[in-house]
N, C-alpha and C. Protein backbone atom coordinates (compact mmCIF):
# COMPACT_ATOMS: atom_id res chain seq x y z
N MET A 1 -7.62 7.18 -8.66
CA MET A 1 -8.71 6.33 -8.23
C MET A 1 -8.33 4.85 -8.23
N PHE A 2 -7.26 4.53 -8.95
CA PHE A 2 -6.84 3.13 -9.01
C PHE A 2 -6.47 2.58 -7.63
N PRO A 3 -5.69 3.32 -6.81
CA PRO A 3 -5.41 2.79 -5.46
C PRO A 3 -6.68 2.55 -4.65
N LEU A 4 -7.68 3.39 -4.82
CA LEU A 4 -8.95 3.20 -4.13
C LEU A 4 -9.57 1.87 -4.55
N CYS A 5 -9.59 1.61 -5.84
CA CYS A 5 -10.17 0.36 -6.35
C CYS A 5 -9.41 -0.85 -5.81
N ILE A 6 -8.09 -0.78 -5.80
CA ILE A 6 -7.29 -1.90 -5.27
C ILE A 6 -7.59 -2.12 -3.79
N ARG A 7 -7.71 -1.04 -3.03
CA ARG A 7 -7.99 -1.17 -1.60
C ARG A 7 -9.29 -1.92 -1.36
N TYR A 8 -10.28 -1.72 -2.21
CA TYR A 8 -11.57 -2.37 -2.01
C TYR A 8 -11.60 -3.82 -2.47
N VAL A 9 -10.95 -4.13 -3.57
CA VAL A 9 -11.06 -5.49 -4.11
C VAL A 9 -9.83 -6.34 -3.90
N GLY A 10 -8.69 -5.73 -3.67
CA GLY A 10 -7.50 -6.48 -3.31
C GLY A 10 -6.72 -7.13 -4.44
N GLU A 11 -7.17 -6.99 -5.67
CA GLU A 11 -6.42 -7.59 -6.78
C GLU A 11 -6.42 -6.65 -7.98
N ARG A 12 -5.30 -6.59 -8.63
CA ARG A 12 -5.05 -5.61 -9.69
C ARG A 12 -6.00 -5.73 -10.88
N ASP A 13 -6.19 -6.93 -11.41
CA ASP A 13 -7.03 -7.12 -12.59
C ASP A 13 -8.47 -6.67 -12.34
N THR A 14 -9.00 -7.08 -11.20
CA THR A 14 -10.37 -6.69 -10.86
C THR A 14 -10.45 -5.19 -10.63
N ALA A 15 -9.43 -4.63 -9.98
CA ALA A 15 -9.39 -3.18 -9.73
C ALA A 15 -9.40 -2.41 -11.05
N GLU A 16 -8.69 -2.92 -12.05
CA GLU A 16 -8.67 -2.26 -13.36
C GLU A 16 -10.07 -2.27 -13.99
N ASP A 17 -10.78 -3.38 -13.84
CA ASP A 17 -12.15 -3.46 -14.36
C ASP A 17 -13.06 -2.46 -13.64
N ILE A 18 -12.91 -2.38 -12.34
CA ILE A 18 -13.73 -1.45 -11.56
C ILE A 18 -13.38 -0.01 -11.92
N LEU A 19 -12.10 0.26 -12.12
CA LEU A 19 -11.68 1.60 -12.52
C LEU A 19 -12.33 1.99 -13.85
N GLN A 20 -12.32 1.07 -14.80
CA GLN A 20 -12.93 1.34 -16.09
C GLN A 20 -14.43 1.58 -15.94
N ASP A 21 -15.10 0.71 -15.19
CA ASP A 21 -16.54 0.88 -14.96
C ASP A 21 -16.83 2.21 -14.26
N GLY A 22 -15.96 2.57 -13.32
CA GLY A 22 -16.13 3.83 -12.61
C GLY A 22 -16.02 5.03 -13.54
N PHE A 23 -15.06 4.99 -14.45
CA PHE A 23 -14.92 6.09 -15.40
C PHE A 23 -16.11 6.17 -16.36
N VAL A 24 -16.62 5.01 -16.77
CA VAL A 24 -17.81 5.01 -17.63
C VAL A 24 -18.97 5.68 -16.88
N THR A 25 -19.15 5.31 -15.63
CA THR A 25 -20.21 5.91 -14.82
C THR A 25 -19.97 7.40 -14.64
N LEU A 26 -18.73 7.77 -14.32
CA LEU A 26 -18.39 9.18 -14.12
C LEU A 26 -18.72 10.00 -15.36
N PHE A 27 -18.27 9.54 -16.52
CA PHE A 27 -18.52 10.31 -17.75
C PHE A 27 -20.00 10.35 -18.11
N SER A 28 -20.72 9.28 -17.84
CA SER A 28 -22.15 9.28 -18.16
C SER A 28 -22.94 10.17 -17.21
N ARG A 29 -22.40 10.44 -16.03
CA ARG A 29 -23.09 11.28 -15.04
C ARG A 29 -22.43 12.65 -14.86
N LEU A 30 -21.54 12.99 -15.73
CA LEU A 30 -20.81 14.25 -15.61
C LEU A 30 -21.74 15.45 -15.52
N ASP A 31 -22.85 15.39 -16.22
CA ASP A 31 -23.79 16.52 -16.18
C ASP A 31 -24.49 16.67 -14.83
N SER A 32 -24.41 15.64 -13.97
CA SER A 32 -25.04 15.74 -12.65
C SER A 32 -24.15 16.41 -11.61
N PHE A 33 -22.88 16.66 -11.96
CA PHE A 33 -22.00 17.38 -11.03
C PHE A 33 -22.36 18.85 -11.10
N LYS A 34 -22.80 19.39 -9.99
CA LYS A 34 -23.30 20.77 -9.95
C LYS A 34 -22.27 21.77 -9.43
N GLY A 35 -21.07 21.31 -9.11
CA GLY A 35 -20.03 22.23 -8.64
C GLY A 35 -20.06 22.48 -7.15
N HIS A 36 -20.97 21.81 -6.45
CA HIS A 36 -21.00 21.92 -4.99
C HIS A 36 -20.00 20.93 -4.42
N GLY A 37 -19.03 21.42 -3.68
CA GLY A 37 -17.97 20.55 -3.18
C GLY A 37 -16.94 20.30 -4.26
N SER A 38 -15.99 19.45 -3.93
CA SER A 38 -14.90 19.20 -4.88
C SER A 38 -15.30 18.14 -5.91
N PHE A 39 -14.73 18.27 -7.08
CA PHE A 39 -14.96 17.27 -8.12
C PHE A 39 -14.36 15.93 -7.68
N GLU A 40 -13.19 15.99 -7.04
CA GLU A 40 -12.54 14.76 -6.60
C GLU A 40 -13.42 13.99 -5.62
N GLY A 41 -14.03 14.70 -4.68
CA GLY A 41 -14.92 14.03 -3.72
C GLY A 41 -16.11 13.39 -4.39
N TRP A 42 -16.68 14.10 -5.37
CA TRP A 42 -17.81 13.58 -6.13
C TRP A 42 -17.39 12.34 -6.91
N ALA A 43 -16.23 12.42 -7.56
CA ALA A 43 -15.73 11.29 -8.35
C ALA A 43 -15.40 10.11 -7.44
N ARG A 44 -14.78 10.38 -6.30
CA ARG A 44 -14.41 9.33 -5.35
C ARG A 44 -15.62 8.52 -4.95
N LYS A 45 -16.73 9.21 -4.71
CA LYS A 45 -17.95 8.52 -4.30
C LYS A 45 -18.43 7.57 -5.40
N ILE A 46 -18.30 7.98 -6.65
CA ILE A 46 -18.68 7.12 -7.78
C ILE A 46 -17.83 5.85 -7.78
N PHE A 47 -16.53 5.99 -7.57
CA PHE A 47 -15.64 4.83 -7.60
C PHE A 47 -15.88 3.91 -6.40
N VAL A 48 -16.15 4.49 -5.24
CA VAL A 48 -16.46 3.68 -4.06
C VAL A 48 -17.74 2.88 -4.34
N ASN A 49 -18.76 3.55 -4.86
CA ASN A 49 -20.01 2.85 -5.15
C ASN A 49 -19.84 1.78 -6.21
N THR A 50 -19.00 2.03 -7.19
CA THR A 50 -18.73 1.03 -8.23
C THR A 50 -18.06 -0.21 -7.61
N ALA A 51 -17.10 0.02 -6.73
CA ALA A 51 -16.43 -1.09 -6.05
C ALA A 51 -17.42 -1.86 -5.16
N LEU A 52 -18.28 -1.13 -4.45
CA LEU A 52 -19.25 -1.78 -3.58
C LEU A 52 -20.26 -2.61 -4.39
N MET A 53 -20.67 -2.11 -5.56
CA MET A 53 -21.58 -2.88 -6.41
C MET A 53 -20.91 -4.18 -6.85
N TYR A 54 -19.63 -4.12 -7.20
CA TYR A 54 -18.91 -5.33 -7.59
C TYR A 54 -18.87 -6.32 -6.42
N LEU A 55 -18.54 -5.83 -5.24
CA LEU A 55 -18.45 -6.71 -4.07
C LEU A 55 -19.81 -7.33 -3.74
N ARG A 56 -20.87 -6.56 -3.88
CA ARG A 56 -22.22 -7.11 -3.64
C ARG A 56 -22.53 -8.22 -4.64
N LYS A 57 -22.20 -8.00 -5.91
CA LYS A 57 -22.46 -9.02 -6.94
C LYS A 57 -21.72 -10.31 -6.64
N LYS A 58 -20.50 -10.19 -6.15
CA LYS A 58 -19.69 -11.36 -5.84
C LYS A 58 -20.00 -11.92 -4.46
N ASP A 59 -20.94 -11.30 -3.76
CA ASP A 59 -21.32 -11.72 -2.41
C ASP A 59 -20.12 -11.71 -1.47
N ALA A 60 -19.18 -10.80 -1.74
CA ALA A 60 -17.95 -10.73 -0.95
C ALA A 60 -18.15 -9.97 0.35
N LEU A 61 -19.31 -9.39 0.54
CA LEU A 61 -19.54 -8.61 1.75
C LEU A 61 -20.14 -9.42 2.89
N LYS A 62 -20.24 -10.73 2.69
CA LYS A 62 -20.73 -11.55 3.80
C LYS A 62 -19.76 -11.38 4.95
N MET A 63 -20.30 -10.97 6.06
CA MET A 63 -19.46 -10.73 7.23
C MET A 63 -19.27 -12.07 7.94
N SER A 64 -18.00 -12.44 8.12
CA SER A 64 -17.73 -13.75 8.69
C SER A 64 -16.78 -13.66 9.87
N ASP A 65 -16.73 -14.74 10.60
CA ASP A 65 -15.83 -14.86 11.75
C ASP A 65 -14.68 -15.78 11.41
N GLU A 66 -14.20 -15.74 10.17
CA GLU A 66 -13.22 -16.71 9.72
C GLU A 66 -11.82 -16.50 10.28
N ILE A 67 -11.57 -15.41 10.93
CA ILE A 67 -10.22 -15.13 11.39
C ILE A 67 -10.14 -15.21 12.90
N GLU A 68 -9.58 -16.28 13.40
CA GLU A 68 -9.48 -16.48 14.84
C GLU A 68 -8.54 -15.48 15.49
N THR A 69 -7.52 -15.06 14.76
CA THR A 69 -6.55 -14.14 15.34
C THR A 69 -7.15 -12.78 15.67
N ALA A 70 -8.31 -12.46 15.12
CA ALA A 70 -8.94 -11.18 15.41
C ALA A 70 -9.34 -11.08 16.87
N ARG A 71 -9.45 -12.18 17.54
CA ARG A 71 -9.84 -12.17 18.95
C ARG A 71 -8.64 -11.89 19.87
N ASN A 72 -7.44 -12.01 19.34
CA ASN A 72 -6.23 -11.81 20.15
C ASN A 72 -5.66 -10.42 19.91
N LEU A 73 -6.40 -9.41 20.30
CA LEU A 73 -6.03 -8.03 20.06
C LEU A 73 -4.79 -7.65 20.85
N SER A 74 -3.79 -7.15 20.14
CA SER A 74 -2.56 -6.69 20.78
C SER A 74 -2.77 -5.30 21.33
N THR A 75 -2.38 -5.07 22.58
CA THR A 75 -2.61 -3.76 23.19
C THR A 75 -1.44 -2.82 22.99
N ASP A 76 -0.23 -3.32 22.74
CA ASP A 76 0.92 -2.45 22.56
C ASP A 76 1.47 -2.60 21.15
N ILE A 77 0.88 -1.87 20.23
CA ILE A 77 1.26 -2.00 18.84
C ILE A 77 2.05 -0.78 18.36
N THR A 78 2.15 0.26 19.20
CA THR A 78 2.75 1.52 18.77
C THR A 78 4.16 1.36 18.23
N SER A 79 5.04 0.66 18.94
CA SER A 79 6.41 0.52 18.47
C SER A 79 6.48 -0.28 17.18
N GLN A 80 5.60 -1.25 17.02
CA GLN A 80 5.59 -2.04 15.79
C GLN A 80 5.07 -1.22 14.62
N MET A 81 4.12 -0.32 14.87
CA MET A 81 3.58 0.54 13.82
C MET A 81 4.64 1.51 13.29
N GLN A 82 5.57 1.90 14.14
CA GLN A 82 6.61 2.84 13.71
C GLN A 82 7.58 2.19 12.72
N ASN A 83 7.64 0.89 12.69
CA ASN A 83 8.57 0.18 11.83
C ASN A 83 7.94 -0.30 10.52
N ILE A 84 6.70 0.07 10.28
CA ILE A 84 6.04 -0.38 9.06
C ILE A 84 5.92 0.79 8.08
N GLY A 85 6.19 0.51 6.83
CA GLY A 85 6.13 1.54 5.80
C GLY A 85 4.73 1.64 5.21
N TYR A 86 4.50 2.71 4.47
CA TYR A 86 3.21 2.96 3.84
C TYR A 86 2.82 1.82 2.91
N LYS A 87 3.76 1.40 2.04
CA LYS A 87 3.45 0.34 1.07
C LYS A 87 3.11 -0.97 1.77
N GLU A 88 3.85 -1.26 2.82
CA GLU A 88 3.58 -2.50 3.56
C GLU A 88 2.21 -2.44 4.23
N LEU A 89 1.88 -1.29 4.81
CA LEU A 89 0.58 -1.13 5.45
C LEU A 89 -0.54 -1.24 4.42
N MET A 90 -0.39 -0.61 3.27
CA MET A 90 -1.41 -0.70 2.23
C MET A 90 -1.54 -2.14 1.72
N GLY A 91 -0.42 -2.85 1.66
CA GLY A 91 -0.47 -4.26 1.28
C GLY A 91 -1.26 -5.09 2.27
N LEU A 92 -1.07 -4.79 3.56
CA LEU A 92 -1.83 -5.51 4.59
C LEU A 92 -3.32 -5.18 4.50
N ILE A 93 -3.64 -3.92 4.26
CA ILE A 93 -5.04 -3.53 4.13
C ILE A 93 -5.67 -4.24 2.94
N THR A 94 -4.94 -4.32 1.86
CA THR A 94 -5.43 -5.00 0.66
C THR A 94 -5.66 -6.48 0.91
N SER A 95 -4.88 -7.07 1.81
CA SER A 95 -5.00 -8.50 2.06
C SER A 95 -6.05 -8.85 3.12
N LEU A 96 -6.70 -7.83 3.70
CA LEU A 96 -7.79 -8.11 4.63
C LEU A 96 -8.89 -8.91 3.92
N PRO A 97 -9.59 -9.78 4.63
CA PRO A 97 -10.75 -10.45 4.03
C PRO A 97 -11.75 -9.38 3.54
N PRO A 98 -12.50 -9.67 2.49
CA PRO A 98 -13.35 -8.65 1.85
C PRO A 98 -14.28 -7.87 2.79
N GLY A 99 -14.97 -8.54 3.67
CA GLY A 99 -15.88 -7.84 4.59
C GLY A 99 -15.15 -6.89 5.51
N PHE A 100 -14.05 -7.34 6.08
CA PHE A 100 -13.23 -6.49 6.95
C PHE A 100 -12.68 -5.32 6.16
N ARG A 101 -12.13 -5.62 4.98
CA ARG A 101 -11.48 -4.60 4.14
C ARG A 101 -12.47 -3.51 3.74
N THR A 102 -13.67 -3.91 3.38
CA THR A 102 -14.67 -2.95 2.92
C THR A 102 -15.03 -1.96 4.02
N VAL A 103 -15.35 -2.47 5.20
CA VAL A 103 -15.72 -1.60 6.30
C VAL A 103 -14.53 -0.75 6.73
N PHE A 104 -13.34 -1.35 6.79
CA PHE A 104 -12.14 -0.59 7.17
C PHE A 104 -11.90 0.57 6.20
N ASN A 105 -11.94 0.29 4.92
CA ASN A 105 -11.75 1.35 3.92
C ASN A 105 -12.78 2.45 4.06
N MET A 106 -14.04 2.05 4.19
CA MET A 106 -15.10 3.05 4.26
C MET A 106 -15.00 3.92 5.50
N TYR A 107 -14.67 3.32 6.63
CA TYR A 107 -14.63 4.07 7.89
C TYR A 107 -13.32 4.84 8.05
N VAL A 108 -12.20 4.15 7.95
CA VAL A 108 -10.90 4.75 8.25
C VAL A 108 -10.40 5.63 7.11
N ILE A 109 -10.51 5.17 5.89
CA ILE A 109 -9.91 5.90 4.77
C ILE A 109 -10.89 6.88 4.14
N GLU A 110 -12.13 6.44 3.89
CA GLU A 110 -13.10 7.31 3.24
C GLU A 110 -13.83 8.23 4.21
N GLY A 111 -13.89 7.87 5.49
CA GLY A 111 -14.50 8.74 6.49
C GLY A 111 -16.01 8.60 6.65
N TYR A 112 -16.58 7.50 6.17
CA TYR A 112 -18.01 7.28 6.36
C TYR A 112 -18.28 6.94 7.83
N SER A 113 -19.47 7.30 8.31
CA SER A 113 -19.88 6.92 9.67
C SER A 113 -20.40 5.48 9.64
N HIS A 114 -20.55 4.88 10.82
CA HIS A 114 -21.07 3.51 10.87
C HIS A 114 -22.51 3.47 10.35
N LYS A 115 -23.27 4.52 10.58
CA LYS A 115 -24.64 4.57 10.05
C LYS A 115 -24.62 4.60 8.53
N GLU A 116 -23.76 5.42 7.94
CA GLU A 116 -23.67 5.48 6.47
C GLU A 116 -23.22 4.14 5.90
N ILE A 117 -22.24 3.52 6.56
CA ILE A 117 -21.76 2.21 6.10
C ILE A 117 -22.89 1.18 6.17
N ALA A 118 -23.60 1.19 7.28
CA ALA A 118 -24.71 0.24 7.45
C ALA A 118 -25.75 0.43 6.35
N ASP A 119 -26.08 1.67 6.05
CA ASP A 119 -27.07 1.94 5.01
C ASP A 119 -26.57 1.51 3.64
N MET A 120 -25.31 1.80 3.33
CA MET A 120 -24.77 1.48 2.01
C MET A 120 -24.58 -0.02 1.80
N LEU A 121 -24.24 -0.75 2.87
CA LEU A 121 -23.97 -2.18 2.74
C LEU A 121 -25.14 -3.06 3.16
N ASN A 122 -26.21 -2.41 3.62
CA ASN A 122 -27.39 -3.13 4.08
C ASN A 122 -27.05 -4.08 5.24
N ILE A 123 -26.33 -3.54 6.21
CA ILE A 123 -25.98 -4.27 7.43
C ILE A 123 -26.36 -3.38 8.61
N THR A 124 -26.22 -3.88 9.83
CA THR A 124 -26.51 -3.06 11.00
C THR A 124 -25.28 -2.25 11.38
N GLU A 125 -25.50 -1.19 12.15
CA GLU A 125 -24.37 -0.39 12.63
C GLU A 125 -23.47 -1.25 13.52
N THR A 126 -24.06 -2.13 14.29
CA THR A 126 -23.28 -3.02 15.16
C THR A 126 -22.37 -3.91 14.34
N THR A 127 -22.87 -4.43 13.23
CA THR A 127 -22.05 -5.27 12.35
C THR A 127 -20.90 -4.44 11.79
N SER A 128 -21.17 -3.21 11.40
CA SER A 128 -20.11 -2.33 10.89
C SER A 128 -19.03 -2.13 11.96
N ARG A 129 -19.44 -1.83 13.18
CA ARG A 129 -18.47 -1.62 14.26
C ARG A 129 -17.67 -2.90 14.54
N THR A 130 -18.35 -4.03 14.54
CA THR A 130 -17.69 -5.31 14.80
C THR A 130 -16.67 -5.62 13.72
N GLN A 131 -17.05 -5.42 12.45
CA GLN A 131 -16.12 -5.70 11.36
C GLN A 131 -14.92 -4.77 11.40
N LEU A 132 -15.13 -3.50 11.78
CA LEU A 132 -14.01 -2.57 11.91
C LEU A 132 -13.08 -3.02 13.03
N SER A 133 -13.64 -3.41 14.14
CA SER A 133 -12.84 -3.88 15.27
C SER A 133 -12.03 -5.12 14.89
N ARG A 134 -12.65 -6.03 14.19
CA ARG A 134 -11.96 -7.24 13.76
C ARG A 134 -10.89 -6.94 12.72
N ALA A 135 -11.17 -5.99 11.84
CA ALA A 135 -10.17 -5.60 10.84
C ALA A 135 -8.95 -5.00 11.53
N ARG A 136 -9.18 -4.15 12.51
CA ARG A 136 -8.06 -3.55 13.25
C ARG A 136 -7.25 -4.62 13.98
N ALA A 137 -7.96 -5.55 14.60
CA ALA A 137 -7.28 -6.63 15.32
C ALA A 137 -6.47 -7.48 14.36
N TRP A 138 -7.04 -7.79 13.21
CA TRP A 138 -6.36 -8.59 12.19
C TRP A 138 -5.09 -7.87 11.74
N LEU A 139 -5.21 -6.57 11.46
CA LEU A 139 -4.04 -5.78 11.04
C LEU A 139 -2.98 -5.74 12.13
N GLN A 140 -3.40 -5.55 13.36
CA GLN A 140 -2.45 -5.51 14.47
C GLN A 140 -1.69 -6.82 14.59
N ASN A 141 -2.40 -7.92 14.45
CA ASN A 141 -1.74 -9.22 14.53
C ASN A 141 -0.76 -9.43 13.38
N LYS A 142 -1.14 -8.99 12.17
CA LYS A 142 -0.23 -9.12 11.02
C LYS A 142 1.01 -8.25 11.22
N ILE A 143 0.83 -7.05 11.74
CA ILE A 143 1.97 -6.17 12.00
C ILE A 143 2.88 -6.79 13.06
N LYS A 144 2.27 -7.38 14.07
CA LYS A 144 3.04 -8.04 15.12
C LYS A 144 3.84 -9.21 14.54
N GLU A 145 3.20 -10.01 13.67
CA GLU A 145 3.87 -11.12 13.03
C GLU A 145 5.04 -10.64 12.16
N ASN A 146 4.80 -9.57 11.41
CA ASN A 146 5.85 -9.03 10.53
C ASN A 146 7.01 -8.48 11.32
N SER A 147 6.75 -7.91 12.49
CA SER A 147 7.86 -7.37 13.28
C SER A 147 8.70 -8.49 13.89
N LYS A 148 8.08 -9.64 14.13
CA LYS A 148 8.82 -10.80 14.63
C LYS A 148 9.74 -11.36 13.55
N ASP A 149 9.26 -11.31 12.30
CA ASP A 149 10.02 -11.84 11.17
C ASP A 149 11.20 -10.96 10.82
N ALA A 150 11.09 -9.68 11.15
CA ALA A 150 12.15 -8.73 10.76
C ALA A 150 13.37 -8.83 11.62
């Protein structure tokens, strides 16, 4: 669950705090697990919610237009994607601005729908789609920049 926490908050120390809080919540709610579905899926949801509560408290979910490069979407990223490793990609995801990172994690990695994301984050579905699009564009531009440096 630690990589999940890092993906949401982007920094190790904070992720460790969220991990600890998540385990406290998990153990205190252990009796509510009824055996329907996997334990891992049930636990994962607790850790995602713990991370989201932290981000809400820090007001890190404000959706912003702070990244101009998100508007310059690269259309041919396939060859550049083949040259990037898992760790490098996860590092880029972790470095996304909080609003972009949260929606990207929830949609792409966790598999939530835009409606579920909108409900959980108290935003509109359109905002969720926009933030996902901007996160993808941001990642594509970073991958493009990294391939130029290599």
